[in-house]
């Protein structure tokens, strides 16, 4: 019966993960994805869980990085996104980066073949039908206008949005390795790496200063309709906007030279541009942190001033699109239900979390919560001491609704922990992070075991 099915709107990372989790729990799922019936300005394929920006899931360090901890928690919860991400991994130092085509293709195949999942290619142009009693809206940053308008009318909230930007992708064989070289920062090896996972292009002081000036002078694409009322997200800011903050900003951001040694020169690099592998064959590399709203002709001209990229051939130039999210602390309850209409849950970036993994993790929780409700089980919330629980708490309760902006998972969202050394002195930094991570994994294990006991009962 339709009222016992779970309808999920949006086949991105969050929607795909929610569908998988609910189906694995024994619930029939209908996954509604509007592509290719209705296209977007950012997507290029019809695949589910398509990565439209970076191909990186960021750090995979489960003890010293909050997103790495979130990776591990999701793996422990049977995440489809992490399972296929691990299979599609490409070298990226300490990060988990994936071949985007292999990754989205595998996620799509897994969902298509699941006996409890039906995929419907259609746009939901407005609020879902009233006889859909269990719905997850996981439409992500590019929610269709009719649905966004219906949500806005239902909640009474003004639309909130920020910019999300795409970095350019370069053909590897067009890079000049008489100037560029392979090396991970501090020679660090990651989940699929060797310590030589990035292509590096060094600049001296004069080259760097000229490059920054070229960024500032280049013609930009203007978005007058929504630029005045929208906000850039700090983690995905156009490089020329960063350059406007001061001449040294990029050297302390995506172009920091630390941990890298140029084999082609004796002097230390003043700044370094890094490129990260974008596909399994290593034929494509994306320029790390170089999201941009420069016009296409200007991008080609400016980026070819980077030593080693003089003859670069671009598989994709950078771009910019609007990202829409709701004021979750005000509008959602702790189970991700919309207070104004509790049959609707929200998941993914539309809730105001930021990042691929964060979006998928909220989908994971929404899928489990909805499935438990359909099956008549109590909803067992993840402990706030875990990465899952701390992120959920932030977007539903912890953040200030008056100043709410999207945020990545970070250790600042976790409950305080009094960690002391053998002398009784409070520890900080890496030691504290590891203690918080170990507590999180311990509490997560207990949470999963409790869920399994309830299911068996």
Protein backbone atom coordinates (compact mmCIF):
# COMPACT_ATOMS: atom_id res chain seq x y z
CA UNK A 1 0.00 0.00 0.00
CA UNK A 2 1.24 3.49 -0.83
CA UNK A 3 1.00 4.67 2.78
CA UNK A 4 3.40 1.94 3.87
CA UNK A 5 6.00 2.83 1.28
CA UNK A 6 8.76 5.34 1.80
CA UNK A 7 8.92 7.96 -0.95
CA UNK A 8 12.27 9.69 -1.35
CA UNK A 9 12.54 12.77 -3.55
CA UNK A 10 16.04 13.27 -4.93
CA UNK A 11 18.60 10.72 -6.06
CA UNK A 12 21.78 12.44 -4.92
CA UNK A 13 24.08 11.24 -2.17
CA UNK A 14 21.54 11.75 0.63
CA UNK A 15 18.58 10.29 -1.23
CA UNK A 16 20.58 7.30 -2.44
CA UNK A 17 21.87 6.55 1.06
CA UNK A 18 18.41 6.99 2.61
CA UNK A 19 16.88 4.60 0.07
CA UNK A 20 19.56 1.99 0.72
CA UNK A 21 19.28 2.15 4.50
CA UNK A 22 15.48 1.92 4.53
CA UNK A 23 15.42 -0.92 2.01
CA UNK A 24 18.04 -2.83 3.97
CA UNK A 25 15.76 -2.56 7.00
CA UNK A 26 12.93 -4.19 5.06
CA UNK A 27 10.91 -1.20 3.82
CA UNK A 28 9.70 -0.74 0.23
CA UNK A 29 11.14 2.47 -1.23
CA UNK A 30 10.19 4.60 -4.23
CA UNK A 31 13.08 6.85 -5.19
CA UNK A 32 12.00 9.83 -7.33
CA UNK A 33 14.76 11.46 -9.40
CA UNK A 34 13.87 14.23 -11.86
CA UNK A 35 16.88 13.76 -14.14
CA UNK A 36 16.84 13.32 -17.14
CA UNK A 37 13.22 14.51 -17.40
CA UNK A 38 14.22 17.78 -15.77
CA UNK A 39 17.89 18.72 -16.00
CA UNK A 40 19.96 20.99 -13.75
CA UNK A 41 22.70 23.51 -14.45
CA UNK A 42 25.32 21.44 -12.62
CA UNK A 43 24.66 17.74 -13.36
CA UNK A 44 26.16 16.18 -16.47
CA UNK A 45 24.78 12.61 -16.34
CA UNK A 46 21.64 10.67 -15.43
CA UNK A 47 23.43 8.65 -12.74
CA UNK A 48 22.33 8.66 -9.12
CA UNK A 49 24.74 10.11 -6.54
CA UNK A 50 26.55 12.12 -9.22
CA UNK A 51 29.39 14.24 -7.84
CA UNK A 52 29.01 17.69 -9.38
CA UNK A 53 31.84 19.51 -7.59
CA UNK A 54 34.99 17.93 -6.15
CA UNK A 55 35.67 14.20 -6.33
CA UNK A 56 37.01 14.16 -2.78
CA UNK A 57 35.26 12.92 0.36
CA UNK A 58 38.09 14.67 2.25
CA UNK A 59 40.22 13.17 5.03
CA UNK A 60 39.88 9.47 5.82
CA UNK A 61 41.68 9.75 9.18
CA UNK A 62 39.18 8.37 11.69
CA UNK A 63 41.09 9.48 14.80
CA UNK A 64 42.29 12.97 14.02
CA UNK A 65 39.79 14.36 11.53
CA UNK A 66 36.05 14.69 12.12
CA UNK A 67 35.05 13.84 8.56
CA UNK A 68 37.32 10.77 8.65
CA UNK A 69 35.52 9.73 11.83
CA UNK A 70 32.20 10.22 10.05
CA UNK A 71 33.47 7.97 7.24
CA UNK A 72 34.16 5.20 9.75
CA UNK A 73 30.82 5.58 11.51
CA UNK A 74 29.00 5.34 8.20
CA UNK A 75 30.98 2.25 7.25
CA UNK A 76 29.93 0.66 10.53
CA UNK A 77 26.29 1.48 9.64
CA UNK A 78 26.49 -0.28 6.27
CA UNK A 79 26.68 2.90 4.16
CA UNK A 80 26.26 2.36 0.43
CA UNK A 81 28.03 5.65 -0.33
CA UNK A 82 31.13 4.70 1.66
CA UNK A 83 31.10 1.13 0.36
CA UNK A 84 31.17 2.26 -3.24
CA UNK A 85 33.44 5.19 -2.44
CA UNK A 86 36.05 2.81 -1.05
CA UNK A 87 35.81 0.63 -4.17
CA UNK A 88 36.19 3.62 -6.50
CA UNK A 89 39.04 5.25 -4.54
CA UNK A 90 41.86 7.01 -6.38
CA UNK A 91 45.15 8.22 -4.84
CA UNK A 92 44.66 11.41 -2.82
CA UNK A 93 47.17 11.48 0.02
CA UNK A 94 45.32 11.23 3.33
CA UNK A 95 41.95 11.84 1.69
CA UNK A 96 39.34 9.52 0.21
CA UNK A 97 38.80 10.65 -3.38
CA UNK A 98 36.95 8.67 -6.03
CA UNK A 99 36.63 8.14 -9.74
CA UNK A 100 33.33 9.98 -10.07
CA UNK A 101 31.97 7.92 -13.00
CA UNK A 102 32.80 4.54 -11.46
CA UNK A 103 31.38 5.69 -8.13
CA UNK A 104 28.02 7.01 -9.34
CA UNK A 105 27.64 4.11 -11.76
CA UNK A 106 28.10 1.59 -8.95
CA UNK A 107 25.66 3.38 -6.64
CA UNK A 108 23.07 3.52 -9.42
CA UNK A 109 23.52 -0.19 -10.18
CA UNK A 110 23.17 -1.19 -6.52
CA UNK A 111 19.94 0.78 -6.12
CA UNK A 112 18.49 -0.45 -9.42
CA UNK A 113 19.13 -4.06 -8.45
CA UNK A 114 17.76 -3.85 -4.90
CA UNK A 115 14.46 -5.79 -4.76
CA UNK A 116 12.82 -3.27 -2.43
CA UNK A 117 13.74 -0.12 -4.37
CA UNK A 118 11.81 1.31 -7.32
CA UNK A 119 13.37 4.24 -9.18
CA UNK A 120 10.98 6.65 -10.89
CA UNK A 121 12.34 9.34 -13.19
CA UNK A 122 10.01 12.28 -12.67
CA UNK A 123 9.90 15.75 -11.20
CA UNK A 124 7.83 16.28 -8.08
CA UNK A 125 6.59 19.76 -8.95
CA UNK A 126 5.30 20.87 -5.58
CA UNK A 127 4.52 19.16 -2.30
CA UNK A 128 4.13 15.37 -2.62
CA UNK A 129 0.59 13.88 -2.78
CA UNK A 130 -1.20 13.75 0.55
CA UNK A 131 -1.53 9.96 0.47
CA UNK A 132 2.26 9.68 0.68
CA UNK A 133 2.43 9.34 4.44
CA UNK A 134 6.18 8.84 4.65
CA UNK A 135 8.39 11.13 2.57
CA UNK A 136 12.04 12.19 2.64
CA UNK A 137 12.92 15.31 0.68
CA UNK A 138 16.58 15.01 -0.28
CA UNK A 139 16.66 17.34 -3.24
CA UNK A 140 20.01 18.84 -2.38
CA UNK A 141 21.42 22.18 -3.46
CA UNK A 142 19.48 22.24 -6.73
CA UNK A 143 15.92 21.75 -5.51
CA UNK A 144 13.54 22.37 -8.40
CA UNK A 145 11.79 25.75 -8.34
CA UNK A 146 8.20 24.40 -7.93
CA UNK A 147 9.16 22.22 -4.97
CA UNK A 148 11.30 24.95 -3.38
CA UNK A 149 8.43 27.41 -3.71
CA UNK A 150 5.98 24.93 -2.16
CA UNK A 151 8.33 24.34 0.79
CA UNK A 152 8.76 28.08 1.22
CA UNK A 153 4.99 28.62 1.27
CA UNK A 154 4.50 25.75 3.73
CA UNK A 155 7.16 26.89 6.18
CA UNK A 156 6.61 30.62 5.87
CA UNK A 157 10.37 31.09 5.77
CA UNK A 158 12.24 33.28 3.32
CA UNK A 159 14.49 31.30 1.00
CA UNK A 160 18.06 30.93 2.19
CA UNK A 161 20.82 30.20 -0.28
CA UNK A 162 24.55 30.34 -0.88
CA UNK A 163 26.92 29.78 -3.76
CA UNK A 164 28.53 26.45 -4.54
CA UNK A 165 31.38 26.40 -7.03
CA UNK A 166 33.08 23.89 -9.35
CA UNK A 167 36.85 23.54 -9.81
CA UNK A 168 38.37 23.05 -13.29
CA UNK A 169 39.59 19.62 -14.47
CA UNK A 170 42.78 19.22 -16.55
CA UNK A 171 43.92 16.44 -18.91
CA UNK A 172 47.04 14.93 -17.30
CA UNK A 173 48.95 14.57 -20.55
CA UNK A 174 48.78 18.34 -21.09
CA UNK A 175 50.74 19.09 -17.88
CA UNK A 176 54.44 20.01 -18.18
CA UNK A 177 56.38 17.74 -15.81
CA UNK A 178 59.60 19.62 -16.43
CA UNK A 179 58.04 22.03 -13.91
CA UNK A 180 55.37 19.98 -12.12
CA UNK A 181 55.98 16.95 -9.88
CA UNK A 182 54.13 14.24 -7.98
CA UNK A 183 54.05 14.47 -4.17
CA UNK A 184 51.53 14.34 -1.33
CA UNK A 185 51.88 16.99 1.35
CA UNK A 186 54.42 15.65 3.88
CA UNK A 187 54.54 12.50 1.65
CA UNK A 188 51.42 11.27 3.41
CA UNK A 189 49.80 8.08 2.14
CA UNK A 190 46.02 7.78 2.18
CA UNK A 191 43.48 4.98 1.67
CA UNK A 192 44.47 4.53 -1.99
CA UNK A 193 47.71 6.49 -2.06
CA UNK A 194 51.47 6.16 -2.28
CA UNK A 195 52.66 9.49 -0.88
CA UNK A 196 52.91 10.88 -4.43
CA UNK A 197 49.24 11.41 -5.05
CA UNK A 198 49.07 15.07 -6.09
CA UNK A 199 50.55 16.95 -9.01
CA UNK A 200 52.24 20.11 -7.73
CA UNK A 201 53.02 23.35 -9.54
CA UNK A 202 55.32 25.77 -7.68
CA UNK A 203 55.39 29.54 -7.90
CA UNK A 204 58.01 32.03 -6.80
CA UNK A 205 56.99 35.32 -5.16
CA UNK A 206 56.74 37.28 -8.42
CA UNK A 207 54.72 34.55 -10.16
CA UNK A 208 52.37 34.32 -7.22
CA UNK A 209 51.77 38.06 -7.01
CA UNK A 210 51.14 38.27 -10.76
CA UNK A 211 48.72 35.35 -10.51
CA UNK A 212 46.75 36.96 -7.69
CA UNK A 213 46.50 40.19 -9.65
CA UNK A 214 45.29 38.29 -12.72
CA UNK A 215 42.56 36.69 -10.62
CA UNK A 216 41.43 40.09 -9.38
CA UNK A 217 41.47 41.65 -12.86
CA UNK A 218 39.70 38.79 -14.72
CA UNK A 219 36.09 39.29 -15.85
CA UNK A 220 33.60 37.43 -13.65
CA UNK A 221 30.16 36.00 -14.25
CA UNK A 222 27.60 38.06 -12.34
CA UNK A 223 24.44 36.63 -10.79
CA UNK A 224 22.52 39.78 -9.96
CA UNK A 225 19.22 37.98 -9.28
CA UNK A 226 20.48 36.22 -6.18
CA UNK A 227 24.03 37.37 -5.48
CA UNK A 228 22.90 40.29 -3.32
CA UNK A 229 20.97 38.13 -0.84
CA UNK A 230 22.99 34.91 -0.94
CA UNK A 231 26.16 33.94 0.89
CA UNK A 232 29.29 32.10 -0.14
CA UNK A 233 29.98 28.96 1.88
CA UNK A 234 33.47 29.23 3.34
CA UNK A 235 34.43 25.67 2.34
CA UNK A 236 33.64 26.18 -1.35
CA UNK A 237 34.54 29.81 -1.99
CA UNK A 238 35.59 31.01 -5.47
CA UNK A 239 39.33 31.51 -5.59
CA UNK A 240 39.05 35.10 -6.80
CA UNK A 241 36.80 35.92 -3.82
CA UNK A 242 39.50 34.53 -1.53
CA UNK A 243 42.08 36.64 -3.35
CA UNK A 244 40.00 39.75 -2.65
CA UNK A 245 40.50 39.18 1.09
CA UNK A 246 44.19 39.98 0.85
CA UNK A 247 47.34 39.12 -1.14
CA UNK A 248 48.47 36.39 1.27
CA UNK A 249 45.10 34.64 1.65
CA UNK A 250 45.73 32.00 -1.02
CA UNK A 251 49.20 31.19 0.37
CA UNK A 252 47.55 30.24 3.64
CA UNK A 253 44.70 28.44 1.89
CA UNK A 254 44.65 26.20 -1.20
CA UNK A 255 48.10 27.39 -2.36
CA UNK A 256 50.01 26.84 0.89
CA UNK A 257 53.52 25.52 0.14
CA UNK A 258 54.18 23.61 3.38
CA UNK A 259 55.13 19.92 3.27
CA UNK A 260 56.21 20.06 -0.38
CA UNK A 261 59.66 20.03 -1.98
CA UNK A 262 60.16 21.06 -5.61
CA UNK A 263 62.68 18.66 -7.24
CA UNK A 264 63.19 21.11 -10.12
CA UNK A 265 64.54 23.97 -7.98
CA UNK A 266 66.75 24.51 -4.95
CA UNK A 267 64.69 27.32 -3.43
CA UNK A 268 61.54 26.56 -1.47
CA UNK A 269 58.24 27.23 -3.26
CA UNK A 270 56.58 30.52 -2.34
CA UNK A 271 53.18 29.05 -3.25
CA UNK A 272 51.99 25.74 -4.72
CA UNK A 273 49.00 24.80 -6.84
CA UNK A 274 47.94 21.20 -6.27
CA UNK A 275 45.98 18.96 -8.64
CA UNK A 276 44.19 15.82 -7.40
CA UNK A 277 43.48 12.69 -9.43
CA UNK A 278 39.89 12.70 -10.69
CA UNK A 279 39.50 9.26 -12.31
CA UNK A 280 40.90 5.73 -11.99
CA UNK A 281 42.94 5.97 -15.18
CA UNK A 282 44.65 9.12 -13.86
CA UNK A 283 43.98 10.87 -17.16
CA UNK A 284 42.16 13.73 -15.41
CA UNK A 285 43.21 15.90 -12.45
CA UNK A 286 41.20 18.67 -10.79
CA UNK A 287 42.81 21.87 -9.49
CA UNK A 288 42.31 21.69 -5.72
CA UNK A 289 40.47 24.62 -4.19
CA UNK A 290 40.17 26.50 -7.50
CA UNK A 291 36.41 26.95 -7.59
CA UNK A 292 35.70 30.01 -9.67
CA UNK A 293 33.13 32.29 -11.26
CA UNK A 294 35.59 33.72 -13.78
CA UNK A 295 34.32 33.67 -17.35
CA UNK A 296 35.53 30.70 -19.40
CA UNK A 297 37.95 32.62 -21.61
CA UNK A 298 39.52 34.28 -18.57
CA UNK A 299 39.86 30.95 -16.76
CA UNK A 300 41.90 29.46 -19.58
CA UNK A 301 44.13 32.52 -19.79
CA UNK A 302 44.71 32.89 -16.03
CA UNK A 303 45.18 29.21 -15.18
CA UNK A 304 47.72 28.77 -17.99
CA UNK A 305 49.98 31.25 -16.19
CA UNK A 306 50.53 28.56 -13.52
CA UNK A 307 53.99 26.99 -14.05
CA UNK A 308 53.43 23.55 -15.54
CA UNK A 309 49.97 24.38 -16.90
CA UNK A 310 51.09 26.64 -19.77
CA UNK A 311 49.56 24.23 -22.31
CA UNK A 312 46.85 22.77 -20.10
CA UNK A 313 43.83 21.25 -21.84
CA UNK A 314 40.69 21.52 -19.71
CA UNK A 315 38.15 18.71 -19.58
CA UNK A 316 35.90 21.03 -17.58
CA UNK A 317 36.19 24.66 -16.62
CA UNK A 318 35.02 26.02 -13.29
CA UNK A 319 31.48 27.14 -12.59
CA UNK A 320 29.09 28.40 -9.98
CA UNK A 321 25.53 27.56 -8.96
CA UNK A 322 23.07 28.45 -6.26
CA UNK A 323 22.64 26.16 -3.28
CA UNK A 324 19.34 26.19 -1.38
CA UNK A 325 18.77 25.07 2.20
CA UNK A 326 16.13 25.44 4.89
CA UNK A 327 16.51 26.87 8.39
CA UNK A 328 16.60 23.41 9.95
CA UNK A 329 17.02 24.37 13.64
CA UNK A 330 13.74 26.25 13.40
CA UNK A 331 11.81 24.02 11.02
CA UNK A 332 12.82 20.42 11.83
CA UNK A 333 12.42 18.23 14.91
CA UNK A 334 15.11 15.89 16.22
CA UNK A 335 13.95 13.12 13.84
CA UNK A 336 14.38 15.41 10.80
CA UNK A 337 10.60 15.83 10.46
CA UNK A 338 9.15 19.11 9.27
CA UNK A 339 7.23 20.54 12.22
CA UNK A 340 4.64 22.13 9.93
CA UNK A 341 3.89 18.78 8.22
CA UNK A 342 5.42 15.78 10.05
CA UNK A 343 4.90 13.30 7.19
CA UNK A 344 7.82 15.10 5.51
CA UNK A 345 11.42 14.51 6.51
CA UNK A 346 14.42 16.33 5.08
CA UNK A 347 17.91 15.01 4.40
CA UNK A 348 21.17 16.09 2.80
CA UNK A 349 22.41 19.56 1.88
CA UNK A 350 18.91 21.00 1.86
CA UNK A 351 19.01 20.65 5.68
CA UNK A 352 22.02 22.97 5.90
CA UNK A 353 24.81 20.46 6.34
CA UNK A 354 27.70 20.94 3.93
CA UNK A 355 29.82 18.34 2.19
CA UNK A 356 29.29 15.07 0.35
CA UNK A 357 29.79 12.85 3.35
CA UNK A 358 27.75 15.02 5.71
CA UNK A 359 24.87 15.01 3.21
CA UNK A 360 24.99 11.25 2.83
CA UNK A 361 25.17 10.78 6.61
CA UNK A 362 21.98 12.78 7.16
CA UNK A 363 20.40 10.65 4.45
CA UNK A 364 21.54 7.57 6.34
CA UNK A 365 19.84 8.77 9.51
CA UNK A 366 16.66 9.94 7.76
CA UNK A 367 16.32 6.60 6.00
CA UNK A 368 16.71 4.69 9.24
CA UNK A 369 14.31 6.95 11.16
CA UNK A 370 11.62 6.69 8.47
CA UNK A 371 12.00 2.92 8.17
CA UNK A 372 11.73 2.46 11.93
CA UNK A 373 8.55 4.53 11.96
CA UNK A 374 6.99 2.51 9.11
CA UNK A 375 7.90 -0.77 10.80
CA UNK A 376 6.44 0.38 14.11
CA UNK A 377 9.78 0.45 15.92
CA UNK A 378 10.99 3.09 18.33
CA UNK A 379 13.37 5.57 16.73
CA UNK A 380 16.75 5.10 18.34
CA UNK A 381 18.75 8.31 18.04
CA UNK A 382 22.54 8.14 17.55
CA UNK A 383 24.39 9.39 20.64
CA UNK A 384 25.40 13.04 20.50
CA UNK A 385 28.94 11.91 21.28
CA UNK A 386 29.19 10.36 17.79
CA UNK A 387 29.85 12.23 14.55
CA UNK A 388 26.39 11.24 13.32
CA UNK A 389 24.71 12.42 16.51
CA UNK A 390 26.67 15.65 16.79
CA UNK A 391 25.86 16.63 13.20
CA UNK A 392 22.19 15.77 13.69
CA UNK A 393 22.09 17.79 16.89
CA UNK A 394 23.68 20.78 15.17
CA UNK A 395 21.20 21.00 12.30
CA UNK A 396 18.09 20.29 14.39
CA UNK A 397 18.81 21.82 17.80
CA UNK A 398 22.33 23.03 18.46
CA UNK A 399 22.73 25.79 15.88
CA UNK A 400 21.33 29.28 16.34
CA UNK A 401 18.31 29.56 14.04
CA UNK A 402 18.81 33.31 13.69
CA UNK A 403 22.29 32.97 12.21
CA UNK A 404 22.13 29.44 10.76
CA UNK A 405 24.57 28.73 7.93
CA UNK A 406 25.74 25.43 6.39
CA UNK A 407 28.62 23.74 8.16
CA UNK A 408 30.90 20.74 7.71
CA UNK A 409 31.34 18.19 10.50
CA UNK A 410 34.07 19.30 12.91
CA UNK A 411 35.19 18.45 16.43
CA UNK A 412 33.68 21.69 17.69
CA UNK A 413 30.21 20.14 17.28
CA UNK A 414 30.95 17.28 19.71
CA UNK A 415 30.08 17.46 23.42
CA UNK A 416 32.94 18.59 25.65
CA UNK A 417 35.23 15.87 26.97
CA UNK A 418 37.58 16.32 29.91
CA UNK A 419 40.72 14.53 28.73
CA UNK A 420 43.74 14.60 31.05
CA UNK A 421 47.25 13.22 30.86
CA UNK A 422 49.08 11.23 33.51
CA UNK A 423 49.91 14.47 35.34
CA UNK A 424 46.23 15.45 35.50
CA UNK A 425 46.62 18.27 33.01
CA UNK A 426 43.94 18.75 30.38
CA UNK A 427 45.15 17.74 26.93
CA UNK A 428 44.35 19.55 23.71
CA UNK A 429 45.00 19.16 20.02
CA UNK A 430 45.59 15.73 18.55
CA UNK A 431 45.35 13.86 21.86
CA UNK A 432 41.95 15.32 22.59
CA UNK A 433 40.71 14.63 19.04
CA UNK A 434 41.73 11.00 19.33
CA UNK A 435 40.00 10.64 22.69
CA UNK A 436 36.80 12.17 21.28
CA UNK A 437 37.00 9.85 18.26
CA UNK A 438 37.55 6.76 20.40
CA UNK A 439 34.57 7.71 22.57
CA UNK A 440 32.47 8.21 19.44
CA UNK A 441 33.33 4.80 17.97
CA UNK A 442 32.69 3.10 21.32
CA UNK A 443 29.29 4.77 21.69
CA UNK A 444 28.43 4.05 18.07
CA UNK A 445 29.14 0.35 18.58
CA UNK A 446 26.80 0.29 21.57
CA UNK A 447 24.14 2.13 19.53
CA UNK A 448 24.37 -0.37 16.66
CA UNK A 449 24.25 -3.31 19.06
CA UNK A 450 21.16 -1.89 20.74
CA UNK A 451 19.46 -1.47 17.36
CA UNK A 452 20.27 -5.06 16.48
CA UNK A 453 18.85 -6.28 19.80
CA UNK A 454 15.62 -4.37 19.21
CA UNK A 455 15.35 -5.76 15.70
CA UNK A 456 15.85 -9.32 16.93
CA UNK A 457 13.23 -8.83 19.64
